[in-house]
PDB file of N, CA and C in Angstrom:
ATOM      1  N   MET A   1     109.601 182.599  22.660  1.00  0.00           N
ATOM      2  CA  MET A   1     108.208 182.204  22.919  1.00  0.00           C
ATOM      3  C   MET A   1     108.112 180.698  23.152  1.00  0.00           C
ATOM      4  N   SER A   2     107.306 180.343  24.125  1.00  0.00           N
ATOM      5  CA  SER A   2     107.125 178.915  24.369  1.00  0.00           C
ATOM      6  C   SER A   2     106.148 178.368  23.334  1.00  0.00           C
ATOM      7  N   SER A   3     106.334 177.118  22.972  1.00  0.00           N
ATOM      8  CA  SER A   3     105.516 176.560  21.899  1.00  0.00           C
ATOM      9  C   SER A   3     104.126 176.172  22.398  1.00  0.00           C
ATOM     10  N   SER A   4     103.929 176.161  23.711  1.00  0.00           N
ATOM     11  CA  SER A   4     102.625 175.746  24.211  1.00  0.00           C
ATOM     12  C   SER A   4     101.704 176.960  24.274  1.00  0.00           C
ATOM     13  N   SER A   5     100.532 176.830  23.693  1.00  0.00           N
ATOM     14  CA  SER A   5      99.573 177.932  23.702  1.00  0.00           C
ATOM     15  C   SER A   5      98.420 177.580  24.625  1.00  0.00           C
ATOM     16  N   ALA A   6      97.527 178.522  24.843  1.00  0.00           N
ATOM     17  CA  ALA A   6      96.369 178.266  25.701  1.00  0.00           C
ATOM     18  C   ALA A   6      95.561 177.092  25.158  1.00  0.00           C
ATOM     19  N   ALA A   7      95.604 176.912  23.849  1.00  0.00           N
ATOM     20  CA  ALA A   7      94.829 175.833  23.232  1.00  0.00           C
ATOM     21  C   ALA A   7      95.339 174.456  23.655  1.00  0.00           C
ATOM     22  N   ASP A   8      96.601 174.392  24.051  1.00  0.00           N
ATOM     23  CA  ASP A   8      97.175 173.102  24.445  1.00  0.00           C
ATOM     24  C   ASP A   8      96.862 172.750  25.887  1.00  0.00           C
ATOM     25  N   LYS A   9      96.286 173.691  26.614  1.00  0.00           N
ATOM     26  CA  LYS A   9      96.055 173.453  28.035  1.00  0.00           C
ATOM     27  C   LYS A   9      94.750 172.718  28.274  1.00  0.00           C
ATOM     28  N   VAL A  10      94.711 172.025  29.376  1.00  0.00           N
ATOM     29  CA  VAL A  10      93.483 171.366  29.797  1.00  0.00           C
ATOM     30  C   VAL A  10      93.165 171.851  31.205  1.00  0.00           C
ATOM     31  N   ARG A  11      91.932 171.640  31.608  1.00  0.00           N
ATOM     32  CA  ARG A  11      91.568 171.928  32.990  1.00  0.00           C
ATOM     33  C   ARG A  11      90.913 170.676  33.549  1.00  0.00           C
ATOM     34  N   ALA A  12      91.221 170.372  34.789  1.00  0.00           N
ATOM     35  CA  ALA A  12      90.688 169.143  35.359  1.00  0.00           C
ATOM     36  C   ALA A  12      90.478 169.279  36.856  1.00  0.00           C
ATOM     37  N   SER A  13      89.604 168.415  37.354  1.00  0.00           N
ATOM     38  CA  SER A  13      89.431 168.208  38.779  1.00  0.00           C
ATOM     39  C   SER A  13      89.777 166.754  39.058  1.00  0.00           C
ATOM     40  N   HIS A  14      90.196 166.476  40.277  1.00  0.00           N
ATOM     41  CA  HIS A  14      90.492 165.082  40.582  1.00  0.00           C
ATOM     42  C   HIS A  14      90.152 164.768  42.031  1.00  0.00           C
ATOM     43  N   ILE A  15      90.067 163.464  42.275  1.00  0.00           N
ATOM     44  CA  ILE A  15      89.940 162.945  43.632  1.00  0.00           C
ATOM     45  C   ILE A  15      91.132 162.021  43.825  1.00  0.00           C
ATOM     46  N   LEU A  16      91.901 162.301  44.865  1.00  0.00           N
ATOM     47  CA  LEU A  16      93.107 161.520  45.160  1.00  0.00           C
ATOM     48  C   LEU A  16      92.886 160.747  46.453  1.00  0.00           C
ATOM     49  N   ILE A  17      93.159 159.457  46.404  1.00  0.00           N
ATOM     50  CA  ILE A  17      93.208 158.669  47.636  1.00  0.00           C
ATOM     51  C   ILE A  17      94.653 158.194  47.787  1.00  0.00           C
ATOM     52  N   LYS A  18      95.290 158.625  48.865  1.00  0.00           N
ATOM     53  CA  LYS A  18      96.667 158.192  49.119  1.00  0.00           C
ATOM     54  C   LYS A  18      96.665 156.820  49.782  1.00  0.00           C
ATOM     55  N   HIS A  19      97.793 156.131  49.657  1.00  0.00           N
ATOM     56  CA  HIS A  19      97.925 154.814  50.290  1.00  0.00           C
ATOM     57  C   HIS A  19      99.371 154.615  50.702  1.00  0.00           C
ATOM     58  N   GLN A  20      99.663 153.437  51.246  1.00  0.00           N
ATOM     59  CA  GLN A  20     100.993 153.236  51.835  1.00  0.00           C
ATOM     60  C   GLN A  20     102.116 153.323  50.805  1.00  0.00           C
ATOM     61  N   GLY A  21     101.785 153.224  49.516  1.00  0.00           N
ATOM     62  CA  GLY A  21     102.811 153.374  48.488  1.00  0.00           C
ATOM     63  C   GLY A  21     102.992 154.808  48.017  1.00  0.00           C
ATOM     64  N   SER A  22     102.207 155.726  48.575  1.00  0.00           N
ATOM     65  CA  SER A  22     102.277 157.116  48.121  1.00  0.00           C
ATOM     66  C   SER A  22     103.585 157.768  48.534  1.00  0.00           C
ATOM     67  N   ARG A  23     104.036 158.676  47.702  1.00  0.00           N
ATOM     68  CA  ARG A  23     105.317 159.340  47.931  1.00  0.00           C
ATOM     69  C   ARG A  23     105.294 160.150  49.223  1.00  0.00           C
ATOM     70  N   ARG A  24     104.209 160.875  49.434  1.00  0.00           N
ATOM     71  CA  ARG A  24     104.079 161.632  50.688  1.00  0.00           C
ATOM     72  C   ARG A  24     102.837 161.142  51.401  1.00  0.00           C
ATOM     73  N   LYS A  25     103.002 160.788  52.666  1.00  0.00           N
ATOM     74  CA  LYS A  25     101.886 160.157  53.372  1.00  0.00           C
ATOM     75  C   LYS A  25     100.897 161.147  53.972  1.00  0.00           C
ATOM     76  N   ALA A  26     101.339 162.328  54.343  1.00  0.00           N
ATOM     77  CA  ALA A  26     100.421 163.243  55.024  1.00  0.00           C
ATOM     78  C   ALA A  26      99.425 163.848  54.043  1.00  0.00           C
ATOM     79  N   SER A  27      98.247 164.154  54.540  1.00  0.00           N
ATOM     80  CA  SER A  27      97.293 164.926  53.753  1.00  0.00           C
ATOM     81  C   SER A  27      96.547 165.844  54.704  1.00  0.00           C
ATOM     82  N   TRP A  28      95.743 166.734  54.133  1.00  0.00           N
ATOM     83  CA  TRP A  28      94.995 167.671  54.977  1.00  0.00           C
ATOM     84  C   TRP A  28      94.065 166.934  55.935  1.00  0.00           C
ATOM     85  N   LYS A  29      93.572 165.742  55.541  1.00  0.00           N
ATOM     86  CA  LYS A  29      92.673 165.003  56.420  1.00  0.00           C
ATOM     87  C   LYS A  29      93.435 164.162  57.426  1.00  0.00           C
ATOM     88  N   ASP A  30      94.674 163.863  57.088  1.00  0.00           N
ATOM     89  CA  ASP A  30      95.469 162.905  57.869  1.00  0.00           C
ATOM     90  C   ASP A  30      96.882 163.461  58.007  1.00  0.00           C
ATOM     91  N   PRO A  31      97.033 164.540  58.800  1.00  0.00           N
ATOM     92  CA  PRO A  31      98.302 165.273  58.840  1.00  0.00           C
ATOM     93  C   PRO A  31      99.490 164.409  59.271  1.00  0.00           C
ATOM     94  N   GLU A  32      99.221 163.409  60.098  1.00  0.00           N
ATOM     95  CA  GLU A  32     100.305 162.518  60.539  1.00  0.00           C
ATOM     96  C   GLU A  32     100.524 161.358  59.564  1.00  0.00           C
ATOM     97  N   GLY A  33      99.610 161.193  58.648  1.00  0.00           N
ATOM     98  CA  GLY A  33      99.722 160.102  57.677  1.00  0.00           C
ATOM     99  C   GLY A  33      99.468 158.730  58.262  1.00  0.00           C
ATOM    100  N   GLN A  34      98.790 158.670  59.413  1.00  0.00           N
ATOM    101  CA  GLN A  34      98.589 157.367  60.068  1.00  0.00           C
ATOM    102  C   GLN A  34      97.612 156.480  59.311  1.00  0.00           C
ATOM    103  N   VAL A  35      96.500 157.073  58.893  1.00  0.00           N
ATOM    104  CA  VAL A  35      95.506 156.301  58.144  1.00  0.00           C
ATOM    105  C   VAL A  35      96.103 155.876  56.804  1.00  0.00           C
ATOM    106  N   ILE A  36      96.754 156.826  56.159  1.00  0.00           N
ATOM    107  CA  ILE A  36      97.321 156.562  54.832  1.00  0.00           C
ATOM    108  C   ILE A  36      98.368 155.452  54.897  1.00  0.00           C
ATOM    109  N   SER A  37      99.193 155.460  55.936  1.00  0.00           N
ATOM    110  CA  SER A  37     100.235 154.438  56.066  1.00  0.00           C
ATOM    111  C   SER A  37      99.655 153.041  56.229  1.00  0.00           C
ATOM    112  N   ASN A  38      98.405 152.965  56.706  1.00  0.00           N
ATOM    113  CA  ASN A  38      97.757 151.666  56.894  1.00  0.00           C
ATOM    114  C   ASN A  38      96.815 151.294  55.764  1.00  0.00           C
ATOM    115  N   THR A  39      96.733 152.139  54.758  1.00  0.00           N
ATOM    116  CA  THR A  39      95.819 151.890  53.639  1.00  0.00           C
ATOM    117  C   THR A  39      96.587 151.214  52.508  1.00  0.00           C
ATOM    118  N   THR A  40      96.150 150.028  52.122  1.00  0.00           N
ATOM    119  CA  THR A  40      96.796 149.363  50.987  1.00  0.00           C
ATOM    120  C   THR A  40      96.306 150.017  49.691  1.00  0.00           C
ATOM    121  N   ARG A  41      97.063 149.806  48.624  1.00  0.00           N
ATOM    122  CA  ARG A  41      96.613 150.333  47.330  1.00  0.00           C
ATOM    123  C   ARG A  41      95.263 149.735  46.966  1.00  0.00           C
ATOM    124  N   ASP A  42      95.083 148.439  47.232  1.00  0.00           N
ATOM    125  CA  ASP A  42      93.817 147.783  46.896  1.00  0.00           C
ATOM    126  C   ASP A  42      92.642 148.428  47.621  1.00  0.00           C
ATOM    127  N   ALA A  43      92.861 148.762  48.899  1.00  0.00           N
ATOM    128  CA  ALA A  43      91.797 149.404  49.677  1.00  0.00           C
ATOM    129  C   ALA A  43      91.494 150.787  49.117  1.00  0.00           C
ATOM    130  N   ALA A  44      92.549 151.517  48.745  1.00  0.00           N
ATOM    131  CA  ALA A  44      92.364 152.857  48.169  1.00  0.00           C
ATOM    132  C   ALA A  44      91.593 152.761  46.855  1.00  0.00           C
ATOM    133  N   VAL A  45      91.941 151.780  46.031  1.00  0.00           N
ATOM    134  CA  VAL A  45      91.264 151.590  44.743  1.00  0.00           C
ATOM    135  C   VAL A  45      89.789 151.238  44.968  1.00  0.00           C
ATOM    136  N   SER A  46      89.528 150.351  45.932  1.00  0.00           N
ATOM    137  CA  SER A  46      88.137 149.965  46.216  1.00  0.00           C
ATOM    138  C   SER A  46      87.310 151.167  46.636  1.00  0.00           C
ATOM    139  N   GLN A  47      87.890 151.992  47.505  1.00  0.00           N
ATOM    140  CA  GLN A  47      87.178 153.182  47.957  1.00  0.00           C
ATOM    141  C   GLN A  47      86.902 154.112  46.774  1.00  0.00           C
ATOM    142  N   LEU A  48      87.919 154.313  45.958  1.00  0.00           N
ATOM    143  CA  LEU A  48      87.795 155.219  44.823  1.00  0.00           C
ATOM    144  C   LEU A  48      86.791 154.698  43.802  1.00  0.00           C
ATOM    145  N   GLU A  49      86.778 153.378  43.587  1.00  0.00           N
ATOM    146  CA  GLU A  49      85.819 152.802  42.637  1.00  0.00           C
ATOM    147  C   GLU A  49      84.384 153.010  43.122  1.00  0.00           C
ATOM    148  N   ALA A  50      84.180 152.878  44.439  1.00  0.00           N
ATOM    149  CA  ALA A  50      82.841 153.100  44.997  1.00  0.00           C
ATOM    150  C   ALA A  50      82.427 154.559  44.836  1.00  0.00           C
ATOM    151  N   LEU A  51      83.373 155.478  45.081  1.00  0.00           N
ATOM    152  CA  LEU A  51      83.077 156.905  44.920  1.00  0.00           C
ATOM    153  C   LEU A  51      82.777 157.222  43.459  1.00  0.00           C
ATOM    154  N   ARG A  52      83.558 156.629  42.551  1.00  0.00           N
ATOM    155  CA  ARG A  52      83.355 156.873  41.114  1.00  0.00           C
ATOM    156  C   ARG A  52      81.972 156.401  40.688  1.00  0.00           C
ATOM    157  N   GLU A  53      81.573 155.245  41.205  1.00  0.00           N
ATOM    158  CA  GLU A  53      80.265 154.679  40.886  1.00  0.00           C
ATOM    159  C   GLU A  53      79.146 155.642  41.313  1.00  0.00           C
ATOM    160  N   ASP A  54      79.287 156.222  42.508  1.00  0.00           N
ATOM    161  CA  ASP A  54      78.288 157.182  42.992  1.00  0.00           C
ATOM    162  C   ASP A  54      78.200 158.401  42.083  1.00  0.00           C
ATOM    163  N   ILE A  55      79.356 158.852  41.587  1.00  0.00           N
ATOM    164  CA  ILE A  55      79.385 160.037  40.722  1.00  0.00           C
ATOM    165  C   ILE A  55      78.777 159.708  39.360  1.00  0.00           C
ATOM    166  N   VAL A  56      79.223 158.598  38.774  1.00  0.00           N
ATOM    167  CA  VAL A  56      78.777 158.234  37.429  1.00  0.00           C
ATOM    168  C   VAL A  56      77.279 157.933  37.419  1.00  0.00           C
ATOM    169  N   SER A  57      76.777 157.336  38.506  1.00  0.00           N
ATOM    170  CA  SER A  57      75.354 156.982  38.564  1.00  0.00           C
ATOM    171  C   SER A  57      74.486 158.189  38.920  1.00  0.00           C
ATOM    172  N   GLY A  58      75.123 159.300  39.272  1.00  0.00           N
ATOM    173  CA  GLY A  58      74.359 160.506  39.572  1.00  0.00           C
ATOM    174  C   GLY A  58      73.966 160.639  41.041  1.00  0.00           C
ATOM    175  N   LYS A  59      74.404 159.690  41.872  1.00  0.00           N
ATOM    176  CA  LYS A  59      74.060 159.766  43.297  1.00  0.00           C
ATOM    177  C   LYS A  59      74.811 160.875  44.013  1.00  0.00           C
ATOM    178  N   ALA A  60      75.981 161.231  43.476  1.00  0.00           N
ATOM    179  CA  ALA A  60      76.813 162.245  44.136  1.00  0.00           C
ATOM    180  C   ALA A  60      77.465 163.121  43.080  1.00  0.00           C
ATOM    181  N   LYS A  61      77.775 164.351  43.456  1.00  0.00           N
ATOM    182  CA  LYS A  61      78.461 165.269  42.535  1.00  0.00           C
ATOM    183  C   LYS A  61      79.966 165.164  42.748  1.00  0.00           C
ATOM    184  N   PHE A  62      80.696 165.253  41.640  1.00  0.00           N
ATOM    185  CA  PHE A  62      82.153 165.108  41.691  1.00  0.00           C
ATOM    186  C   PHE A  62      82.763 166.048  42.732  1.00  0.00           C
ATOM    187  N   GLY A  63      82.375 167.324  42.677  1.00  0.00           N
ATOM    188  CA  GLY A  63      82.963 168.319  43.573  1.00  0.00           C
ATOM    189  C   GLY A  63      82.686 168.046  45.038  1.00  0.00           C
ATOM    190  N   ASP A  64      81.479 167.540  45.322  1.00  0.00           N
ATOM    191  CA  ASP A  64      81.128 167.229  46.714  1.00  0.00           C
ATOM    192  C   ASP A  64      81.958 166.064  47.226  1.00  0.00           C
ATOM    193  N   VAL A  65      82.109 165.046  46.384  1.00  0.00           N
ATOM    194  CA  VAL A  65      82.897 163.875  46.769  1.00  0.00           C
ATOM    195  C   VAL A  65      84.357 164.275  46.970  1.00  0.00           C
ATOM    196  N   ALA A  66      84.857 165.097  46.046  1.00  0.00           N
ATOM    197  CA  ALA A  66      86.252 165.547  46.153  1.00  0.00           C
ATOM    198  C   ALA A  66      86.479 166.305  47.456  1.00  0.00           C
ATOM    199  N   SER A  67      85.553 167.210  47.781  1.00  0.00           N
ATOM    200  CA  SER A  67      85.795 168.041  48.958  1.00  0.00           C
ATOM    201  C   SER A  67      85.731 167.223  50.243  1.00  0.00           C
ATOM    202  N   ARG A  68      85.012 166.096  50.204  1.00  0.00           N
ATOM    203  CA  ARG A  68      84.909 165.272  51.394  1.00  0.00           C
ATOM    204  C   ARG A  68      86.011 164.211  51.487  1.00  0.00           C
ATOM    205  N   TYR A  69      86.372 163.621  50.352  1.00  0.00           N
ATOM    206  CA  TYR A  69      87.219 162.430  50.401  1.00  0.00           C
ATOM    207  C   TYR A  69      88.632 162.585  49.841  1.00  0.00           C
ATOM    208  N   SER A  70      88.853 163.574  48.979  1.00  0.00           N
ATOM    209  CA  SER A  70      90.159 163.649  48.321  1.00  0.00           C
ATOM    210  C   SER A  70      91.261 163.996  49.312  1.00  0.00           C
ATOM    211  N   ASP A  71      92.409 163.321  49.174  1.00  0.00           N
ATOM    212  CA  ASP A  71      93.566 163.608  50.024  1.00  0.00           C
ATOM    213  C   ASP A  71      94.415 164.752  49.480  1.00  0.00           C
ATOM    214  N   CYS A  72      93.981 165.369  48.393  1.00  0.00           N
ATOM    215  CA  CYS A  72      94.728 166.495  47.821  1.00  0.00           C
ATOM    216  C   CYS A  72      94.179 167.802  48.390  1.00  0.00           C
ATOM    217  N   SER A  73      95.044 168.795  48.528  1.00  0.00           N
ATOM    218  CA  SER A  73      94.577 170.093  49.046  1.00  0.00           C
ATOM    219  C   SER A  73      93.578 170.744  48.087  1.00  0.00           C
ATOM    220  N   SER A  74      93.510 170.269  46.845  1.00  0.00           N
ATOM    221  CA  SER A  74      92.511 170.787  45.895  1.00  0.00           C
ATOM    222  C   SER A  74      91.086 170.437  46.350  1.00  0.00           C
ATOM    223  N   ALA A  75      90.963 169.572  47.348  1.00  0.00           N
ATOM    224  CA  ALA A  75      89.639 169.226  47.892  1.00  0.00           C
ATOM    225  C   ALA A  75      88.864 170.481  48.281  1.00  0.00           C
ATOM    226  N   LYS A  76      89.588 171.476  48.786  1.00  0.00           N
ATOM    227  CA  LYS A  76      88.931 172.725  49.209  1.00  0.00           C
ATOM    228  C   LYS A  76      88.245 173.414  48.034  1.00  0.00           C
ATOM    229  N   ARG A  77      88.675 173.107  46.824  1.00  0.00           N
ATOM    230  CA  ARG A  77      88.079 173.694  45.617  1.00  0.00           C
ATOM    231  C   ARG A  77      87.256 172.655  44.852  1.00  0.00           C
ATOM    232  N   GLY A  78      86.783 171.649  45.552  1.00  0.00           N
ATOM    233  CA  GLY A  78      86.007 170.602  44.889  1.00  0.00           C
ATOM    234  C   GLY A  78      86.850 169.779  43.936  1.00  0.00           C
ATOM    235  N   GLY A  79      88.153 169.740  44.211  1.00  0.00           N
ATOM    236  CA  GLY A  79      89.057 168.934  43.384  1.00  0.00           C
ATOM    237  C   GLY A  79      89.663 169.665  42.203  1.00  0.00           C
ATOM    238  N   ASP A  80      89.289 170.931  42.031  1.00  0.00           N
ATOM    239  CA  ASP A  80      89.738 171.673  40.840  1.00  0.00           C
ATOM    240  C   ASP A  80      91.236 171.960  40.898  1.00  0.00           C
ATOM    241  N   LEU A  81      91.933 171.548  39.851  1.00  0.00           N
ATOM    242  CA  LEU A  81      93.377 171.801  39.747  1.00  0.00           C
ATOM    243  C   LEU A  81      93.676 173.001  38.857  1.00  0.00           C
ATOM    244  N   GLY A  82      92.645 173.596  38.277  1.00  0.00           N
ATOM    245  CA  GLY A  82      92.877 174.687  37.344  1.00  0.00           C
ATOM    246  C   GLY A  82      93.395 174.166  36.014  1.00  0.00           C
ATOM    247  N   SER A  83      93.967 175.059  35.235  1.00  0.00           N
ATOM    248  CA  SER A  83      94.472 174.683  33.911  1.00  0.00           C
ATOM    249  C   SER A  83      95.937 174.304  33.994  1.00  0.00           C
ATOM    250  N   PHE A  84      96.327 173.364  33.175  1.00  0.00           N
ATOM    251  CA  PHE A  84      97.741 173.009  33.097  1.00  0.00           C
ATOM    252  C   PHE A  84      98.080 172.541  31.693  1.00  0.00           C
ATOM    253  N   GLY A  85      99.359 172.665  31.371  1.00  0.00           N
ATOM    254  CA  GLY A  85      99.833 172.229  30.072  1.00  0.00           C
ATOM    255  C   GLY A  85     100.645 170.956  30.209  1.00  0.00           C
ATOM    256  N   GLN A  86     101.178 170.503  29.103  1.00  0.00           N
ATOM    257  CA  GLN A  86     101.960 169.285  29.134  1.00  0.00           C
ATOM    258  C   GLN A  86     103.251 169.507  29.911  1.00  0.00           C
ATOM    259  N   GLY A  87     103.657 168.479  30.651  1.00  0.00           N
ATOM    260  CA  GLY A  87     104.896 168.556  31.408  1.00  0.00           C
ATOM    261  C   GLY A  87     104.732 169.113  32.812  1.00  0.00           C
ATOM    262  N   GLN A  88     103.511 169.492  33.203  1.00  0.00           N
ATOM    263  CA  GLN A  88     103.320 170.071  34.533  1.00  0.00           C
ATOM    264  C   GLN A  88     102.861 169.055  35.570  1.00  0.00           C
ATOM    265  N   MET A  89     102.255 167.975  35.118  1.00  0.00           N
ATOM    266  CA  MET A  89     101.732 166.950  36.019  1.00  0.00           C
ATOM    267  C   MET A  89     102.516 165.663  35.814  1.00  0.00           C
ATOM    268  N   GLN A  90     102.359 164.723  36.746  1.00  0.00           N
ATOM    269  CA  GLN A  90     102.977 163.416  36.530  1.00  0.00           C
ATOM    270  C   GLN A  90     102.390 162.807  35.257  1.00  0.00           C
ATOM    271  N   LYS A  91     103.245 162.104  34.524  1.00  0.00           N
ATOM    272  CA  LYS A  91     102.893 161.652  33.172  1.00  0.00           C
ATOM    273  C   LYS A  91     101.588 160.844  33.110  1.00  0.00           C
ATOM    274  N   PRO A  92     101.370 159.869  33.999  1.00  0.00           N
ATOM    275  CA  PRO A  92     100.122 159.103  33.894  1.00  0.00           C
ATOM    276  C   PRO A  92      98.889 159.993  34.068  1.00  0.00           C
ATOM    277  N   PHE A  93      99.023 161.000  34.926  1.00  0.00           N
ATOM    278  CA  PHE A  93      97.918 161.926  35.191  1.00  0.00           C
ATOM    279  C   PHE A  93      97.663 162.778  33.950  1.00  0.00           C
ATOM    280  N   GLU A  94      98.741 163.295  33.391  1.00  0.00           N
ATOM    281  CA  GLU A  94      98.637 164.120  32.184  1.00  0.00           C
ATOM    282  C   GLU A  94      98.031 163.321  31.034  1.00  0.00           C
ATOM    283  N   ASP A  95      98.548 162.114  30.809  1.00  0.00           N
ATOM    284  CA  ASP A  95      98.056 161.291  29.698  1.00  0.00           C
ATOM    285  C   ASP A  95      96.563 161.012  29.843  1.00  0.00           C
ATOM    286  N   ALA A  96      96.155 160.686  31.065  1.00  0.00           N
ATOM    287  CA  ALA A  96      94.741 160.378  31.302  1.00  0.00           C
ATOM    288  C   ALA A  96      93.876 161.603  31.034  1.00  0.00           C
ATOM    289  N   THR A  97      94.323 162.761  31.519  1.00  0.00           N
ATOM    290  CA  THR A  97      93.523 163.980  31.357  1.00  0.00           C
ATOM    291  C   THR A  97      93.377 164.345  29.888  1.00  0.00           C
ATOM    292  N   TYR A  98      94.478 164.302  29.154  1.00  0.00           N
ATOM    293  CA  TYR A  98      94.430 164.678  27.735  1.00  0.00           C
ATOM    294  C   TYR A  98      93.588 163.700  26.917  1.00  0.00           C
ATOM    295  N   SER A  99      93.431 162.475  27.396  1.00  0.00           N
ATOM    296  CA  SER A  99      92.662 161.499  26.625  1.00  0.00           C
ATOM    297  C   SER A  99      91.161 161.591  26.897  1.00  0.00           C
ATOM    298  N   LEU A 100      90.776 162.361  27.923  1.00  0.00           N
ATOM    299  CA  LEU A 100      89.354 162.513  28.243  1.00  0.00           C
ATOM    300  C   LEU A 100      88.722 163.615  27.401  1.00  0.00           C
ATOM    301  N   LYS A 101      87.412 163.478  27.169  1.00  0.00           N
ATOM    302  CA  LYS A 101      86.653 164.598  26.626  1.00  0.00           C
ATOM    303  C   LYS A 101      86.180 165.435  27.809  1.00  0.00           C
ATOM    304  N   VAL A 102      85.869 166.700  27.562  1.00  0.00           N
ATOM    305  CA  VAL A 102      85.369 167.566  28.630  1.00  0.00           C
ATOM    306  C   VAL A 102      84.108 166.945  29.233  1.00  0.00           C
ATOM    307  N   GLY A 103      84.085 166.845  30.553  1.00  0.00           N
ATOM    308  CA  GLY A 103      82.943 166.259  31.249  1.00  0.00           C
ATOM    309  C   GLY A 103      83.096 164.776  31.534  1.00  0.00           C
ATOM    310  N   GLU A 104      84.077 164.138  30.908  1.00  0.00           N
ATOM    311  CA  GLU A 104      84.304 162.710  31.139  1.00  0.00           C
ATOM    312  C   GLU A 104      85.117 162.481  32.410  1.00  0.00           C
ATOM    313  N   ILE A 105      84.912 161.319  32.997  1.00  0.00           N
ATOM    314  CA  ILE A 105      85.641 160.926  34.207  1.00  0.00           C
ATOM    315  C   ILE A 105      86.493 159.710  33.883  1.00  0.00           C
ATOM    316  N   SER A 106      87.740 159.764  34.317  1.00  0.00           N
ATOM    317  CA  SER A 106      88.683 158.686  34.014  1.00  0.00           C
ATOM    318  C   SER A 106      88.383 157.441  34.837  1.00  0.00           C
ATOM    319  N   GLU A 107      88.999 156.358  34.411  1.00  0.00           N
ATOM    320  CA  GLU A 107      89.103 155.176  35.271  1.00  0.00           C
ATOM    321  C   GLU A 107      90.149 155.512  36.342  1.00  0.00           C
ATOM    322  N   ILE A 108      90.507 154.532  37.155  1.00  0.00           N
ATOM    323  CA  ILE A 108      91.515 154.735  38.196  1.00  0.00           C
ATOM    324  C   ILE A 108      92.884 154.998  37.539  1.00  0.00           C
ATOM    325  N   VAL A 109      93.547 156.047  37.992  1.00  0.00           N
ATOM    326  CA  VAL A 109      94.874 156.392  37.480  1.00  0.00           C
ATOM    327  C   VAL A 109      95.865 156.331  38.642  1.00  0.00           C
ATOM    328  N   ASP A 110      96.953 155.601  38.441  1.00  0.00           N
ATOM    329  CA  ASP A 110      97.997 155.474  39.461  1.00  0.00           C
ATOM    330  C   ASP A 110      99.110 156.478  39.219  1.00  0.00           C
ATOM    331  N   THR A 111      99.520 157.215  40.252  1.00  0.00           N
ATOM    332  CA  THR A 111     100.742 158.023  40.173  1.00  0.00           C
ATOM    333  C   THR A 111     101.519 157.807  41.463  1.00  0.00           C
ATOM    334  N   ASP A 112     102.665 158.472  41.560  1.00  0.00           N
ATOM    335  CA  ASP A 112     103.459 158.396  42.791  1.00  0.00           C
ATOM    336  C   ASP A 112     102.702 158.973  43.989  1.00  0.00           C
ATOM    337  N   SER A 113     101.686 159.795  43.714  1.00  0.00           N
ATOM    338  CA  SER A 113     100.935 160.426  44.804  1.00  0.00           C
ATOM    339  C   SER A 113      99.875 159.509  45.393  1.00  0.00           C
ATOM    340  N   GLY A 114      99.379 158.576  44.586  1.00  0.00           N
ATOM    341  CA  GLY A 114      98.308 157.693  45.039  1.00  0.00           C
ATOM    342  C   GLY A 114      97.452 157.292  43.855  1.00  0.00           C
ATOM    343  N   VAL A 115      96.176 157.018  44.124  1.00  0.00           N
ATOM    344  CA  VAL A 115      95.254 156.679  43.037  1.00  0.00           C
ATOM    345  C   VAL A 115      94.251 157.810  42.877  1.00  0.00           C
ATOM    346  N   HIS A 116      93.917 158.088  41.625  1.00  0.00           N
ATOM    347  CA  HIS A 116      93.070 159.237  41.302  1.00  0.00           C
ATOM    348  C   HIS A 116      91.930 158.808  40.390  1.00  0.00           C
ATOM    349  N   ILE A 117      90.856 159.588  40.423  1.00  0.00           N
ATOM    350  CA  ILE A 117      89.966 159.674  39.270  1.00  0.00           C
ATOM    351  C   ILE A 117      89.966 161.142  38.861  1.00  0.00           C
ATOM    352  N   ILE A 118      89.909 161.355  37.572  1.00  0.00           N
ATOM    353  CA  ILE A 118      90.068 162.704  37.009  1.00  0.00           C
ATOM    354  C   ILE A 118      88.833 163.033  36.195  1.00  0.00           C
ATOM    355  N   MET A 119      88.342 164.242  36.346  1.00  0.00           N
ATOM    356  CA  MET A 119      87.297 164.742  35.475  1.00  0.00           C
ATOM    357  C   MET A 119      87.852 165.921  34.705  1.00  0.00           C
ATOM    358  N   ARG A 120      87.820 165.796  33.404  1.00  0.00           N
ATOM    359  CA  ARG A 120      88.274 166.918  32.572  1.00  0.00           C
ATOM    360  C   ARG A 120      87.167 167.958  32.521  1.00  0.00           C
ATOM    361  N   THR A 121      87.531 169.208  32.833  1.00  0.00           N
ATOM    362  CA  THR A 121      86.516 170.258  32.898  1.00  0.00           C
ATOM    363  C   THR A 121      86.743 171.334  31.839  1.00  0.00           C
ATOM    364  N   GLY A 122      87.834 171.246  31.107  1.00  0.00           N
ATOM    365  CA  GLY A 122      88.088 172.265  30.088  1.00  0.00           C
ATOM    366  C   GLY A 122      89.279 171.908  29.238  1.00  0.00           C
TER     367      GLY A 122
END
């Protein structure tokens, strides 16, 4: 039996903005990765901070922003990644998610994939 139980799992949605430092440049919005290759991390962070501000202030819903702007294929589900346990995501992403309360939105989180904001949903 694995030691991880359903109680150890979290559920989260995220918005990913890729940039020139991202491990994989292509995304569903930018299949050739041309925009992403020209996006600096600073530009990606600025965009993400503006989107986060809209969500936190109530001007926009997390899922709507994710489906429009996220470079992750989870955009089709409003950013929903489903449930995951420890060891399934990149460490900075996992650490950030586990430190959030349900309904909370993270600050900017850097991974090899790009920059994210994460909302813990379960």
